[in-house]
Amino acid sequence: MEYLFTTVPGLEDFLIEELSEKYALKKARGVYMSGRVVAEVDAQPPDLYQLRTVERFGVFLGEGYATTLGEVVELAAASLPRALRYLTPHTTVGVRSERVGRHDFTSRDVEKEVGKWFKAKGFTISLVDPDVEVNVDVVENYVAIWITVAKKSLKDRRWRVYEHYASLNPIIANAMARLAKPLPGETICDLTCGGGTIAAEAAELYPHARYICVDISLKHVKGALLNTRHLPQVDVLWFDSTKLHRVARPICDKYIFNPPYGFRIPGKIGKLYRLLGRTMKRLTKGCALYVVITPRYKTFISQVGGEVLFRRVIYQGGLYSHIIAGRICQ
């Protein structure tokens, strides 16, 4: 069956990687920064709820490119007949549109015009909890038409008991772990672990490594303990990471973390990154791989140093952030 999957814009290839690992993947394609992947997967919908790099998914109907409202509606109308097999005369239909970019029309305009197609076919339109939800997403000039299967976001994790006020999307944490690829026996250090999202996600994906989760806030440390209580390979420490090298020997094979980016205090962020870089160099076993995410990537690279191996722009929380993978040595 051909599905459409949504994810964090910029991580489309990580979604395809996970699909290829878990299922017989016949073909897949994604438009970078669209947050959408179309894939033909040999799996039934209930089996797809285990995916960790997916926000929502559904039955794919069609796609194309359009710039005006009329073109969007025309493109949708060409694909909507494929939705009829999922409808009955008594089925209520809802049309949902997510629009990203600058257009001379709104999401509401798309929903209204596409809804007319269903009304003309005799279906009842429901704005609240319809039986079938049809999506017409417009990302810049890319248009995707699909039927929702997973209405609730798959990014919600059962282990997340404590919600950090600036918690990282687990999908991003999963992608960062995939970049680091922890090996059995390695020690992975998260120097600003907050509620433990990265440690929890990485430990579930790579359970044979050890994870050290450090934070300066006792409140967040208690939360991280709750979120990782099912993972014996995760150790949580209440400590100032910028001074951790004073009490610990070199133990870190790799680093995965989400440092603060503080647009309100740019000068202090530069100092924090410099101190974190010093700690990283002193806790590293020879040389270590690091994977971090920050919108202040230039500041991070200039203050921490090392060799940059990979940089990827993603869109999260209204910000363009950078996932950086690099190599740092003592």
C-alpha atoms as a PDB file:
ATOM      1  CA  MET A   1       0.000   0.000   0.000  1.00  0.00           C
ATOM      2  CA  GLU A   2       1.155   3.534  -0.722  1.00  0.00           C
ATOM      3  CA  TYR A   3       1.267   5.812   2.306  1.00  0.00           C
ATOM      4  CA  LEU A   4       2.114   9.404   3.058  1.00  0.00           C
ATOM      5  CA  PHE A   5       4.139  10.034   6.213  1.00  0.00           C
ATOM      6  CA  THR A   6       4.804  13.361   7.897  1.00  0.00           C
ATOM      7  CA  THR A   7       7.921  14.142   9.906  1.00  0.00           C
ATOM      8  CA  VAL A   8      10.060  17.072  11.027  1.00  0.00           C
ATOM      9  CA  PRO A   9      10.948  19.127   7.920  1.00  0.00           C
ATOM     10  CA  GLY A  10      14.531  18.289   7.010  1.00  0.00           C
ATOM     11  CA  LEU A  11      14.492  14.716   8.350  1.00  0.00           C
ATOM     12  CA  GLU A  12      12.758  13.021   5.438  1.00  0.00           C
ATOM     13  CA  ASP A  13      15.704  10.717   4.684  1.00  0.00           C
ATOM     14  CA  PHE A  14      15.814   9.464   8.277  1.00  0.00           C
ATOM     15  CA  LEU A  15      12.174   8.430   7.944  1.00  0.00           C
ATOM     16  CA  ILE A  16      12.973   6.532   4.747  1.00  0.00           C
ATOM     17  CA  GLU A  17      15.909   4.864   6.511  1.00  0.00           C
ATOM     18  CA  GLU A  18      13.643   3.626   9.299  1.00  0.00           C
ATOM     19  CA  LEU A  19      11.038   2.369   6.830  1.00  0.00           C
ATOM     20  CA  SER A  20      13.707   0.372   4.993  1.00  0.00           C
ATOM     21  CA  GLU A  21      14.902  -1.147   8.280  1.00  0.00           C
ATOM     22  CA  LYS A  22      11.499  -2.350   9.465  1.00  0.00           C
ATOM     23  CA  TYR A  23       9.495  -3.207   6.349  1.00  0.00           C
ATOM     24  CA  ALA A  24       9.705  -4.444   2.799  1.00  0.00           C
ATOM     25  CA  LEU A  25      10.029  -1.019   1.213  1.00  0.00           C
ATOM     26  CA  LYS A  26       9.288  -1.081  -2.504  1.00  0.00           C
ATOM     27  CA  LYS A  27       9.872   2.607  -3.193  1.00  0.00           C
ATOM     28  CA  ALA A  28      10.004   5.902  -1.344  1.00  0.00           C
ATOM     29  CA  ARG A  29      10.460   9.556  -2.156  1.00  0.00           C
ATOM     30  CA  GLY A  30      10.561  12.699  -0.099  1.00  0.00           C
ATOM     31  CA  VAL A  31      10.831  16.401  -0.826  1.00  0.00           C
ATOM     32  CA  TYR A  32      13.488  17.990   1.397  1.00  0.00           C
ATOM     33  CA  MET A  33      12.056  20.407   3.993  1.00  0.00           C
ATOM     34  CA  SER A  34       8.492  19.415   3.085  1.00  0.00           C
ATOM     35  CA  GLY A  35       8.171  17.102   6.075  1.00  0.00           C
ATOM     36  CA  ARG A  36       6.452  14.586   3.772  1.00  0.00           C
ATOM     37  CA  VAL A  37       7.492  11.186   2.454  1.00  0.00           C
ATOM     38  CA  VAL A  38       5.505   9.012   0.062  1.00  0.00           C
ATOM     39  CA  ALA A  39       6.348   5.325   0.307  1.00  0.00           C
ATOM     40  CA  GLU A  40       4.997   2.010  -0.898  1.00  0.00           C
ATOM     41  CA  VAL A  41       5.284  -0.250   2.125  1.00  0.00           C
ATOM     42  CA  ASP A  42       4.339  -3.893   2.508  1.00  0.00           C
ATOM     43  CA  ALA A  43       2.594  -3.332   5.849  1.00  0.00           C
ATOM     44  CA  GLN A  44      -0.891  -2.770   7.188  1.00  0.00           C
ATOM     45  CA  PRO A  45      -1.715   0.525   8.951  1.00  0.00           C
ATOM     46  CA  PRO A  46      -1.706  -0.946  12.504  1.00  0.00           C
ATOM     47  CA  ASP A  47       1.889  -2.088  11.989  1.00  0.00           C
ATOM     48  CA  LEU A  48       3.056   1.456  11.248  1.00  0.00           C
ATOM     49  CA  TYR A  49       2.289   2.854  14.689  1.00  0.00           C
ATOM     50  CA  GLN A  50       5.665   1.585  15.924  1.00  0.00           C
ATOM     51  CA  LEU A  51       7.578   4.056  13.717  1.00  0.00           C
ATOM     52  CA  ARG A  52       9.735   6.525  15.670  1.00  0.00           C
ATOM     53  CA  THR A  53      10.539   9.112  12.992  1.00  0.00           C
ATOM     54  CA  VAL A  54       6.902   9.749  11.995  1.00  0.00           C
ATOM     55  CA  GLU A  55       4.432  12.313  13.288  1.00  0.00           C
ATOM     56  CA  ARG A  56       1.333  11.240  11.338  1.00  0.00           C
ATOM     57  CA  PHE A  57       0.579   8.977   8.386  1.00  0.00           C
ATOM     58  CA  GLY A  58      -2.221   8.066   6.046  1.00  0.00           C
ATOM     59  CA  VAL A  59      -3.284   6.662   2.694  1.00  0.00           C
ATOM     60  CA  PHE A  60      -1.635   8.494  -0.187  1.00  0.00           C
ATOM     61  CA  LEU A  61      -3.939   9.819  -2.915  1.00  0.00           C
ATOM     62  CA  GLY A  62      -1.788  12.095  -5.051  1.00  0.00           C
ATOM     63  CA  GLU A  63       0.772  14.877  -5.260  1.00  0.00           C
ATOM     64  CA  GLY A  64       2.006  17.583  -7.576  1.00  0.00           C
ATOM     65  CA  TYR A  65       3.002  21.213  -7.799  1.00  0.00           C
ATOM     66  CA  ALA A  66       0.784  24.286  -7.837  1.00  0.00           C
ATOM     67  CA  THR A  67       1.107  28.011  -7.194  1.00  0.00           C
ATOM     68  CA  THR A  68      -2.475  29.319  -7.197  1.00  0.00           C
ATOM     69  CA  LEU A  69      -5.589  28.261  -5.316  1.00  0.00           C
ATOM     70  CA  GLY A  70      -7.207  27.176  -8.565  1.00  0.00           C
ATOM     71  CA  GLU A  71      -4.254  24.953  -9.413  1.00  0.00           C
ATOM     72  CA  VAL A  72      -4.285  23.411  -5.929  1.00  0.00           C
ATOM     73  CA  VAL A  73      -8.000  22.610  -6.184  1.00  0.00           C
ATOM     74  CA  GLU A  74      -7.593  21.233  -9.707  1.00  0.00           C
ATOM     75  CA  LEU A  75      -4.720  19.022  -8.582  1.00  0.00           C
ATOM     76  CA  ALA A  76      -6.717  17.787  -5.589  1.00  0.00           C
ATOM     77  CA  ALA A  77      -9.810  17.097  -7.703  1.00  0.00           C
ATOM     78  CA  ALA A  78      -7.754  14.840  -9.965  1.00  0.00           C
ATOM     79  CA  SER A  79      -6.751  12.690  -6.964  1.00  0.00           C
ATOM     80  CA  LEU A  80      -9.931  12.726  -4.880  1.00  0.00           C
ATOM     81  CA  PRO A  81     -11.794  10.005  -6.850  1.00  0.00           C
ATOM     82  CA  ARG A  82      -9.332   7.552  -5.260  1.00  0.00           C
ATOM     83  CA  ALA A  83     -10.828   8.467  -1.882  1.00  0.00           C
ATOM     84  CA  LEU A  84     -14.299   7.231  -2.830  1.00  0.00           C
ATOM     85  CA  ARG A  85     -13.437   3.609  -2.029  1.00  0.00           C
ATOM     86  CA  TYR A  86     -13.090   4.641   1.629  1.00  0.00           C
ATOM     87  CA  LEU A  87     -16.468   6.428   1.769  1.00  0.00           C
ATOM     88  CA  THR A  88     -20.115   5.400   2.022  1.00  0.00           C
ATOM     89  CA  PRO A  89     -23.281   7.490   1.571  1.00  0.00           C
ATOM     90  CA  HIS A  90     -23.406   7.833   5.360  1.00  0.00           C
ATOM     91  CA  THR A  91     -19.758   8.802   5.850  1.00  0.00           C
ATOM     92  CA  THR A  92     -18.959  12.313   7.056  1.00  0.00           C
ATOM     93  CA  VAL A  93     -15.926  13.939   5.456  1.00  0.00           C
ATOM     94  CA  GLY A  94     -13.573  16.593   6.759  1.00  0.00           C
ATOM     95  CA  VAL A  95     -11.008  18.487   4.708  1.00  0.00           C
ATOM     96  CA  ARG A  96      -7.839  19.640   6.441  1.00  0.00           C
ATOM     97  CA  SER A  97      -5.090  21.739   4.902  1.00  0.00           C
ATOM     98  CA  GLU A  98      -1.667  22.511   6.320  1.00  0.00           C
ATOM     99  CA  ARG A  99      -0.036  25.360   4.433  1.00  0.00           C
ATOM    100  CA  VAL A 100       3.628  26.350   4.670  1.00  0.00           C
ATOM    101  CA  GLY A 101       5.094  29.303   2.788  1.00  0.00           C
ATOM    102  CA  ARG A 102       3.775  32.468   1.198  1.00  0.00           C
ATOM    103  CA  HIS A 103       0.607  32.201  -0.855  1.00  0.00           C
ATOM    104  CA  ASP A 104      -2.227  34.489  -1.892  1.00  0.00           C
ATOM    105  CA  PHE A 105      -4.701  32.095  -0.277  1.00  0.00           C
ATOM    106  CA  THR A 106      -5.205  30.559   3.171  1.00  0.00           C
ATOM    107  CA  SER A 107      -5.596  27.020   4.473  1.00  0.00           C
ATOM    108  CA  ARG A 108      -9.258  27.813   5.040  1.00  0.00           C
ATOM    109  CA  ASP A 109      -9.637  28.691   1.348  1.00  0.00           C
ATOM    110  CA  VAL A 110      -8.210  25.304   0.357  1.00  0.00           C
ATOM    111  CA  GLU A 111     -10.489  23.461   2.776  1.00  0.00           C
ATOM    112  CA  LYS A 112     -13.548  25.344   1.563  1.00  0.00           C
ATOM    113  CA  GLU A 113     -12.909  24.819  -2.147  1.00  0.00           C
ATOM    114  CA  VAL A 114     -11.953  21.151  -1.841  1.00  0.00           C
ATOM    115  CA  GLY A 115     -14.963  20.591   0.413  1.00  0.00           C
ATOM    116  CA  LYS A 116     -17.194  21.686  -2.465  1.00  0.00           C
ATOM    117  CA  TRP A 117     -16.027  18.641  -4.423  1.00  0.00           C
ATOM    118  CA  PHE A 118     -17.335  16.302  -1.731  1.00  0.00           C
ATOM    119  CA  LYS A 119     -20.562  18.260  -1.328  1.00  0.00           C
ATOM    120  CA  ALA A 120     -21.201  17.925  -5.056  1.00  0.00           C
ATOM    121  CA  LYS A 121     -20.862  14.148  -4.624  1.00  0.00           C
ATOM    122  CA  GLY A 122     -23.516  14.181  -1.899  1.00  0.00           C
ATOM    123  CA  PHE A 123     -21.273  13.713   1.140  1.00  0.00           C
ATOM    124  CA  THR A 124     -21.820  15.494   4.440  1.00  0.00           C
ATOM    125  CA  ILE A 125     -18.990  17.787   5.496  1.00  0.00           C
ATOM    126  CA  SER A 126     -18.075  17.685   9.184  1.00  0.00           C
ATOM    127  CA  LEU A 127     -15.761  20.230  10.769  1.00  0.00           C
ATOM    128  CA  VAL A 128     -15.526  18.296  14.048  1.00  0.00           C
ATOM    129  CA  ASP A 129     -14.342  14.673  14.213  1.00  0.00           C
ATOM    130  CA  PRO A 130     -15.301  13.517  10.698  1.00  0.00           C
ATOM    131  CA  ASP A 131     -15.381   9.818   9.840  1.00  0.00           C
ATOM    132  CA  VAL A 132     -12.790  10.374   7.119  1.00  0.00           C
ATOM    133  CA  GLU A 133     -10.286  13.233   7.130  1.00  0.00           C
ATOM    134  CA  VAL A 134      -8.843  14.221   3.752  1.00  0.00           C
ATOM    135  CA  ASN A 135      -5.671  16.308   3.791  1.00  0.00           C
ATOM    136  CA  VAL A 136      -4.596  18.738   1.099  1.00  0.00           C
ATOM    137  CA  ASP A 137      -1.215  20.014   2.268  1.00  0.00           C
ATOM    138  CA  VAL A 138       0.531  22.882   0.502  1.00  0.00           C
ATOM    139  CA  VAL A 139       4.239  23.261   1.294  1.00  0.00           C
ATOM    140  CA  GLU A 140       5.572  26.148  -0.804  1.00  0.00           C
ATOM    141  CA  ASN A 141       4.477  24.896  -4.255  1.00  0.00           C
ATOM    142  CA  TYR A 142       4.370  21.184  -3.360  1.00  0.00           C
ATOM    143  CA  VAL A 143       0.884  19.724  -2.827  1.00  0.00           C
ATOM    144  CA  ALA A 144       0.109  16.362  -1.188  1.00  0.00           C
ATOM    145  CA  ILE A 145      -3.345  14.779  -0.968  1.00  0.00           C
ATOM    146  CA  TRP A 146      -3.927  11.981   1.526  1.00  0.00           C
ATOM    147  CA  ILE A 147      -6.381  10.415   3.995  1.00  0.00           C
ATOM    148  CA  THR A 148      -5.499  10.465   7.685  1.00  0.00           C
ATOM    149  CA  VAL A 149      -4.969   7.127   9.422  1.00  0.00           C
ATOM    150  CA  ALA A 150      -3.029   8.245  12.513  1.00  0.00           C
ATOM    151  CA  LYS A 151      -4.923  11.214  13.928  1.00  0.00           C
ATOM    152  CA  LYS A 152      -2.833  11.338  17.097  1.00  0.00           C
ATOM    153  CA  SER A 153       0.814  12.258  16.683  1.00  0.00           C
ATOM    154  CA  LEU A 154       3.204   9.325  16.901  1.00  0.00           C
ATOM    155  CA  LYS A 155       5.860  11.585  18.435  1.00  0.00           C
ATOM    156  CA  ASP A 156       4.107  11.288  21.813  1.00  0.00           C
ATOM    157  CA  ARG A 157       6.109   8.747  23.804  1.00  0.00           C
ATOM    158  CA  ARG A 158       4.694   6.600  26.592  1.00  0.00           C
ATOM    159  CA  TRP A 159       7.830   7.036  28.681  1.00  0.00           C
ATOM    160  CA  ARG A 160       7.550  10.832  28.735  1.00  0.00           C
ATOM    161  CA  VAL A 161       6.116  11.422  32.202  1.00  0.00           C
ATOM    162  CA  TYR A 162       7.992  14.674  32.800  1.00  0.00           C
ATOM    163  CA  GLU A 163       7.664  17.418  30.182  1.00  0.00           C
ATOM    164  CA  HIS A 164      10.618  19.824  30.097  1.00  0.00           C
ATOM    165  CA  TYR A 165       9.554  23.358  29.171  1.00  0.00           C
ATOM    166  CA  ALA A 166      11.862  23.252  26.149  1.00  0.00           C
ATOM    167  CA  SER A 167      11.803  19.520  25.485  1.00  0.00           C
ATOM    168  CA  LEU A 168      13.245  18.254  22.225  1.00  0.00           C
ATOM    169  CA  ASN A 169      10.965  16.537  19.748  1.00  0.00           C
ATOM    170  CA  PRO A 170      11.711  12.791  20.154  1.00  0.00           C
ATOM    171  CA  ILE A 171      11.782  12.454  16.357  1.00  0.00           C
ATOM    172  CA  ILE A 172      14.756  14.831  16.253  1.00  0.00           C
ATOM    173  CA  ALA A 173      16.412  12.945  19.104  1.00  0.00           C
ATOM    174  CA  ASN A 174      15.944   9.721  17.143  1.00  0.00           C
ATOM    175  CA  ALA A 175      17.592  11.230  14.063  1.00  0.00           C
ATOM    176  CA  MET A 176      20.517  12.504  16.141  1.00  0.00           C
ATOM    177  CA  ALA A 177      21.005   9.056  17.642  1.00  0.00           C
ATOM    178  CA  ARG A 178      20.985   7.562  14.154  1.00  0.00           C
ATOM    179  CA  LEU A 179      23.774   9.942  13.166  1.00  0.00           C
ATOM    180  CA  ALA A 180      25.861   8.992  16.210  1.00  0.00           C
ATOM    181  CA  LYS A 181      25.164   5.243  15.844  1.00  0.00           C
ATOM    182  CA  PRO A 182      26.259   4.210  19.370  1.00  0.00           C
ATOM    183  CA  LEU A 183      28.119   0.911  19.376  1.00  0.00           C
ATOM    184  CA  PRO A 184      27.851  -1.807  22.034  1.00  0.00           C
ATOM    185  CA  GLY A 185      29.977  -0.874  25.034  1.00  0.00           C
ATOM    186  CA  GLU A 186      30.353   2.792  24.113  1.00  0.00           C
ATOM    187  CA  THR A 187      29.555   5.573  26.574  1.00  0.00           C
ATOM    188  CA  ILE A 188      27.350   8.338  25.191  1.00  0.00           C
ATOM    189  CA  CYS A 189      27.249  11.646  27.069  1.00  0.00           C
ATOM    190  CA  ASP A 190      24.430  14.198  27.024  1.00  0.00           C
ATOM    191  CA  LEU A 191      25.808  17.278  28.787  1.00  0.00           C
ATOM    192  CA  THR A 192      22.536  19.260  28.827  1.00  0.00           C
ATOM    193  CA  CYS A 193      20.008  16.470  29.086  1.00  0.00           C
ATOM    194  CA  GLY A 194      16.967  18.315  30.470  1.00  0.00           C
ATOM    195  CA  GLY A 195      14.173  15.753  30.727  1.00  0.00           C
ATOM    196  CA  GLY A 196      16.298  12.984  29.211  1.00  0.00           C
ATOM    197  CA  THR A 197      14.662  12.843  25.780  1.00  0.00           C
ATOM    198  CA  ILE A 198      17.876  12.135  23.876  1.00  0.00           C
ATOM    199  CA  ALA A 199      19.083   9.494  26.326  1.00  0.00           C
ATOM    200  CA  ALA A 200      15.701   7.743  26.362  1.00  0.00           C
ATOM    201  CA  GLU A 201      15.293   7.763  22.599  1.00  0.00           C
ATOM    202  CA  ALA A 202      18.884   6.691  21.905  1.00  0.00           C
ATOM    203  CA  ALA A 203      18.832   3.950  24.544  1.00  0.00           C
ATOM    204  CA  GLU A 204      15.696   2.422  23.052  1.00  0.00           C
ATOM    205  CA  LEU A 205      17.236   2.516  19.577  1.00  0.00           C
ATOM    206  CA  TYR A 206      20.744   1.391  20.606  1.00  0.00           C
ATOM    207  CA  PRO A 207      20.252  -0.488  23.903  1.00  0.00           C
ATOM    208  CA  HIS A 208      23.747  -1.974  24.180  1.00  0.00           C
ATOM    209  CA  ALA A 209      25.534   1.315  24.827  1.00  0.00           C
ATOM    210  CA  ARG A 210      25.784   3.228  28.122  1.00  0.00           C
ATOM    211  CA  TYR A 211      24.276   6.705  28.466  1.00  0.00           C
ATOM    212  CA  ILE A 212      25.244   9.458  30.899  1.00  0.00           C
ATOM    213  CA  CYS A 213      22.654  12.207  31.225  1.00  0.00           C
ATOM    214  CA  VAL A 214      23.858  15.370  33.024  1.00  0.00           C
ATOM    215  CA  ASP A 215      21.951  18.518  33.948  1.00  0.00           C
ATOM    216  CA  ILE A 216      22.515  21.423  36.322  1.00  0.00           C
ATOM    217  CA  SER A 217      18.833  21.626  37.322  1.00  0.00           C
ATOM    218  CA  LEU A 218      17.655  19.280  40.073  1.00  0.00           C
ATOM    219  CA  LYS A 219      14.083  19.621  38.814  1.00  0.00           C
ATOM    220  CA  HIS A 220      15.062  18.422  35.341  1.00  0.00           C
ATOM    221  CA  VAL A 221      17.241  15.644  36.757  1.00  0.00           C
ATOM    222  CA  LYS A 222      14.267  14.315  38.710  1.00  0.00           C
ATOM    223  CA  GLY A 223      12.219  14.489  35.513  1.00  0.00           C
ATOM    224  CA  ALA A 224      14.909  12.688  33.526  1.00  0.00           C
ATOM    225  CA  LEU A 225      14.960   9.936  36.148  1.00  0.00           C
ATOM    226  CA  LEU A 226      11.231   9.450  35.616  1.00  0.00           C
ATOM    227  CA  ASN A 227      11.537   9.446  31.827  1.00  0.00           C
ATOM    228  CA  THR A 228      14.403   6.932  31.780  1.00  0.00           C
ATOM    229  CA  ARG A 229      13.332   4.734  34.695  1.00  0.00           C
ATOM    230  CA  HIS A 230      12.711   1.810  32.310  1.00  0.00           C
ATOM    231  CA  LEU A 231      16.237   2.016  30.874  1.00  0.00           C
ATOM    232  CA  PRO A 232      18.944   0.571  33.161  1.00  0.00           C
ATOM    233  CA  GLN A 233      21.682   1.625  30.740  1.00  0.00           C
ATOM    234  CA  VAL A 234      20.993   5.332  31.460  1.00  0.00           C
ATOM    235  CA  ASP A 235      22.716   7.077  34.396  1.00  0.00           C
ATOM    236  CA  VAL A 236      21.411  10.524  35.360  1.00  0.00           C
ATOM    237  CA  LEU A 237      23.698  13.007  37.155  1.00  0.00           C
ATOM    238  CA  TRP A 238      22.915  16.298  38.870  1.00  0.00           C
ATOM    239  CA  PHE A 239      25.985  18.372  38.078  1.00  0.00           C
ATOM    240  CA  ASP A 240      27.281  21.420  36.231  1.00  0.00           C
ATOM    241  CA  SER A 241      28.522  19.977  32.936  1.00  0.00           C
ATOM    242  CA  THR A 242      31.027  22.783  32.439  1.00  0.00           C
ATOM    243  CA  LYS A 243      32.882  21.484  35.531  1.00  0.00           C
ATOM    244  CA  LEU A 244      32.306  17.755  35.054  1.00  0.00           C
ATOM    245  CA  HIS A 245      35.875  17.181  33.868  1.00  0.00           C
ATOM    246  CA  ARG A 246      37.098  18.134  37.353  1.00  0.00           C
ATOM    247  CA  VAL A 247      35.547  15.049  38.939  1.00  0.00           C
ATOM    248  CA  ALA A 248      35.356  12.508  36.099  1.00  0.00           C
ATOM    249  CA  ARG A 249      38.022  10.771  34.065  1.00  0.00           C
ATOM    250  CA  PRO A 250      37.763  10.643  30.243  1.00  0.00           C
ATOM    251  CA  ILE A 251      34.718   8.418  29.746  1.00  0.00           C
ATOM    252  CA  CYS A 252      32.836   9.723  26.693  1.00  0.00           C
ATOM    253  CA  ASP A 253      33.073   7.951  23.354  1.00  0.00           C
ATOM    254  CA  LYS A 254      30.386  10.130  21.774  1.00  0.00           C
ATOM    255  CA  TYR A 255      28.261  13.149  22.648  1.00  0.00           C
ATOM    256  CA  ILE A 256      24.641  13.744  21.725  1.00  0.00           C
ATOM    257  CA  PHE A 257      23.009  16.829  23.192  1.00  0.00           C
ATOM    258  CA  ASN A 258      20.750  19.820  22.694  1.00  0.00           C
ATOM    259  CA  PRO A 259      22.534  22.839  24.231  1.00  0.00           C
ATOM    260  CA  PRO A 260      20.650  26.025  25.154  1.00  0.00           C
ATOM    261  CA  TYR A 261      20.653  28.604  22.384  1.00  0.00           C
ATOM    262  CA  GLY A 262      19.429  31.703  24.303  1.00  0.00           C
ATOM    263  CA  PHE A 263      18.743  34.402  21.730  1.00  0.00           C
ATOM    264  CA  ARG A 264      18.128  36.768  24.650  1.00  0.00           C
ATOM    265  CA  ILE A 265      21.635  36.282  26.049  1.00  0.00           C
ATOM    266  CA  PRO A 266      23.948  35.798  23.026  1.00  0.00           C
ATOM    267  CA  GLY A 267      27.126  36.740  24.900  1.00  0.00           C
ATOM    268  CA  LYS A 268      26.522  34.188  27.637  1.00  0.00           C
ATOM    269  CA  ILE A 269      25.730  31.467  25.106  1.00  0.00           C
ATOM    270  CA  GLY A 270      29.125  31.900  23.487  1.00  0.00           C
ATOM    271  CA  LYS A 271      30.784  31.473  26.875  1.00  0.00           C
ATOM    272  CA  LEU A 272      28.623  28.436  27.690  1.00  0.00           C
ATOM    273  CA  TYR A 273      29.532  26.769  24.389  1.00  0.00           C
ATOM    274  CA  ARG A 274      33.217  27.452  25.018  1.00  0.00           C
ATOM    275  CA  LEU A 275      33.029  25.882  28.490  1.00  0.00           C
ATOM    276  CA  LEU A 276      31.094  22.885  27.172  1.00  0.00           C
ATOM    277  CA  GLY A 277      33.738  22.461  24.480  1.00  0.00           C
ATOM    278  CA  ARG A 278      36.453  22.448  27.139  1.00  0.00           C
ATOM    279  CA  THR A 279      34.597  19.755  29.079  1.00  0.00           C
ATOM    280  CA  MET A 280      34.109  17.691  25.929  1.00  0.00           C
ATOM    281  CA  LYS A 281      37.827  17.746  25.129  1.00  0.00           C
ATOM    282  CA  ARG A 282      38.768  16.682  28.655  1.00  0.00           C
ATOM    283  CA  LEU A 283      36.168  13.916  28.948  1.00  0.00           C
ATOM    284  CA  THR A 284      36.881  12.469  25.517  1.00  0.00           C
ATOM    285  CA  LYS A 285      38.677   9.172  25.092  1.00  0.00           C
ATOM    286  CA  GLY A 286      41.197  10.338  22.519  1.00  0.00           C
ATOM    287  CA  CYS A 287      38.768  11.583  19.875  1.00  0.00           C
ATOM    288  CA  ALA A 288      34.985  11.541  19.979  1.00  0.00           C
ATOM    289  CA  LEU A 289      32.053  12.122  17.661  1.00  0.00           C
ATOM    290  CA  TYR A 290      29.537  14.751  18.702  1.00  0.00           C
ATOM    291  CA  VAL A 291      26.007  15.363  17.411  1.00  0.00           C
ATOM    292  CA  VAL A 292      24.274  18.549  18.557  1.00  0.00           C
ATOM    293  CA  ILE A 293      21.317  20.662  17.501  1.00  0.00           C
ATOM    294  CA  THR A 294      21.263  24.452  17.756  1.00  0.00           C
ATOM    295  CA  PRO A 295      20.139  27.476  15.712  1.00  0.00           C
ATOM    296  CA  ARG A 296      23.409  29.092  16.853  1.00  0.00           C
ATOM    297  CA  TYR A 297      25.567  26.691  14.890  1.00  0.00           C
ATOM    298  CA  LYS A 298      28.220  29.265  13.918  1.00  0.00           C
ATOM    299  CA  THR A 299      28.711  30.188  17.559  1.00  0.00           C
ATOM    300  CA  PHE A 300      28.893  26.536  18.567  1.00  0.00           C
ATOM    301  CA  ILE A 301      31.437  25.623  15.898  1.00  0.00           C
ATOM    302  CA  SER A 302      33.625  28.656  16.634  1.00  0.00           C
ATOM    303  CA  GLN A 303      33.635  28.031  20.391  1.00  0.00           C
ATOM    304  CA  VAL A 304      33.865  24.227  20.475  1.00  0.00           C
ATOM    305  CA  GLY A 305      36.074  23.644  17.463  1.00  0.00           C
ATOM    306  CA  GLY A 306      36.888  20.252  16.062  1.00  0.00           C
ATOM    307  CA  GLU A 307      36.153  18.944  12.586  1.00  0.00           C
ATOM    308  CA  VAL A 308      32.623  19.392  11.222  1.00  0.00           C
ATOM    309  CA  LEU A 309      31.555  16.228   9.387  1.00  0.00           C
ATOM    310  CA  PHE A 310      27.878  16.890   8.715  1.00  0.00           C
ATOM    311  CA  ARG A 311      25.400  19.748   8.954  1.00  0.00           C
ATOM    312  CA  ARG A 312      21.678  19.581   8.289  1.00  0.00           C
ATOM    313  CA  VAL A 313      19.064  22.342   8.459  1.00  0.00           C
ATOM    314  CA  ILE A 314      15.706  21.381   9.951  1.00  0.00           C
ATOM    315  CA  TYR A 315      12.601  23.338  10.905  1.00  0.00           C
ATOM    316  CA  GLN A 316      11.266  22.938  14.429  1.00  0.00           C
ATOM    317  CA  GLY A 317       9.249  25.088  16.789  1.00  0.00           C
ATOM    318  CA  GLY A 318       9.137  28.012  14.373  1.00  0.00           C
ATOM    319  CA  LEU A 319      12.946  28.046  14.047  1.00  0.00           C
ATOM    320  CA  TYR A 320      15.450  26.832  11.513  1.00  0.00           C
ATOM    321  CA  SER A 321      17.968  24.808  13.508  1.00  0.00           C
ATOM    322  CA  HIS A 322      21.111  22.949  12.533  1.00  0.00           C
ATOM    323  CA  ILE A 323      22.036  19.393  13.409  1.00  0.00           C
ATOM    324  CA  ILE A 324      25.816  19.223  13.451  1.00  0.00           C
ATOM    325  CA  ALA A 325      27.976  16.126  13.580  1.00  0.00           C
ATOM    326  CA  GLY A 326      31.641  16.675  14.267  1.00  0.00           C
ATOM    327  CA  ARG A 327      34.810  15.166  15.649  1.00  0.00           C
ATOM    328  CA  ILE A 328      36.640  16.540  18.655  1.00  0.00           C
ATOM    329  CA  CYS A 329      39.917  15.400  20.184  1.00  0.00           C
ATOM    330  CA  GLN A 330      41.721  15.950  23.473  1.00  0.00           C
END
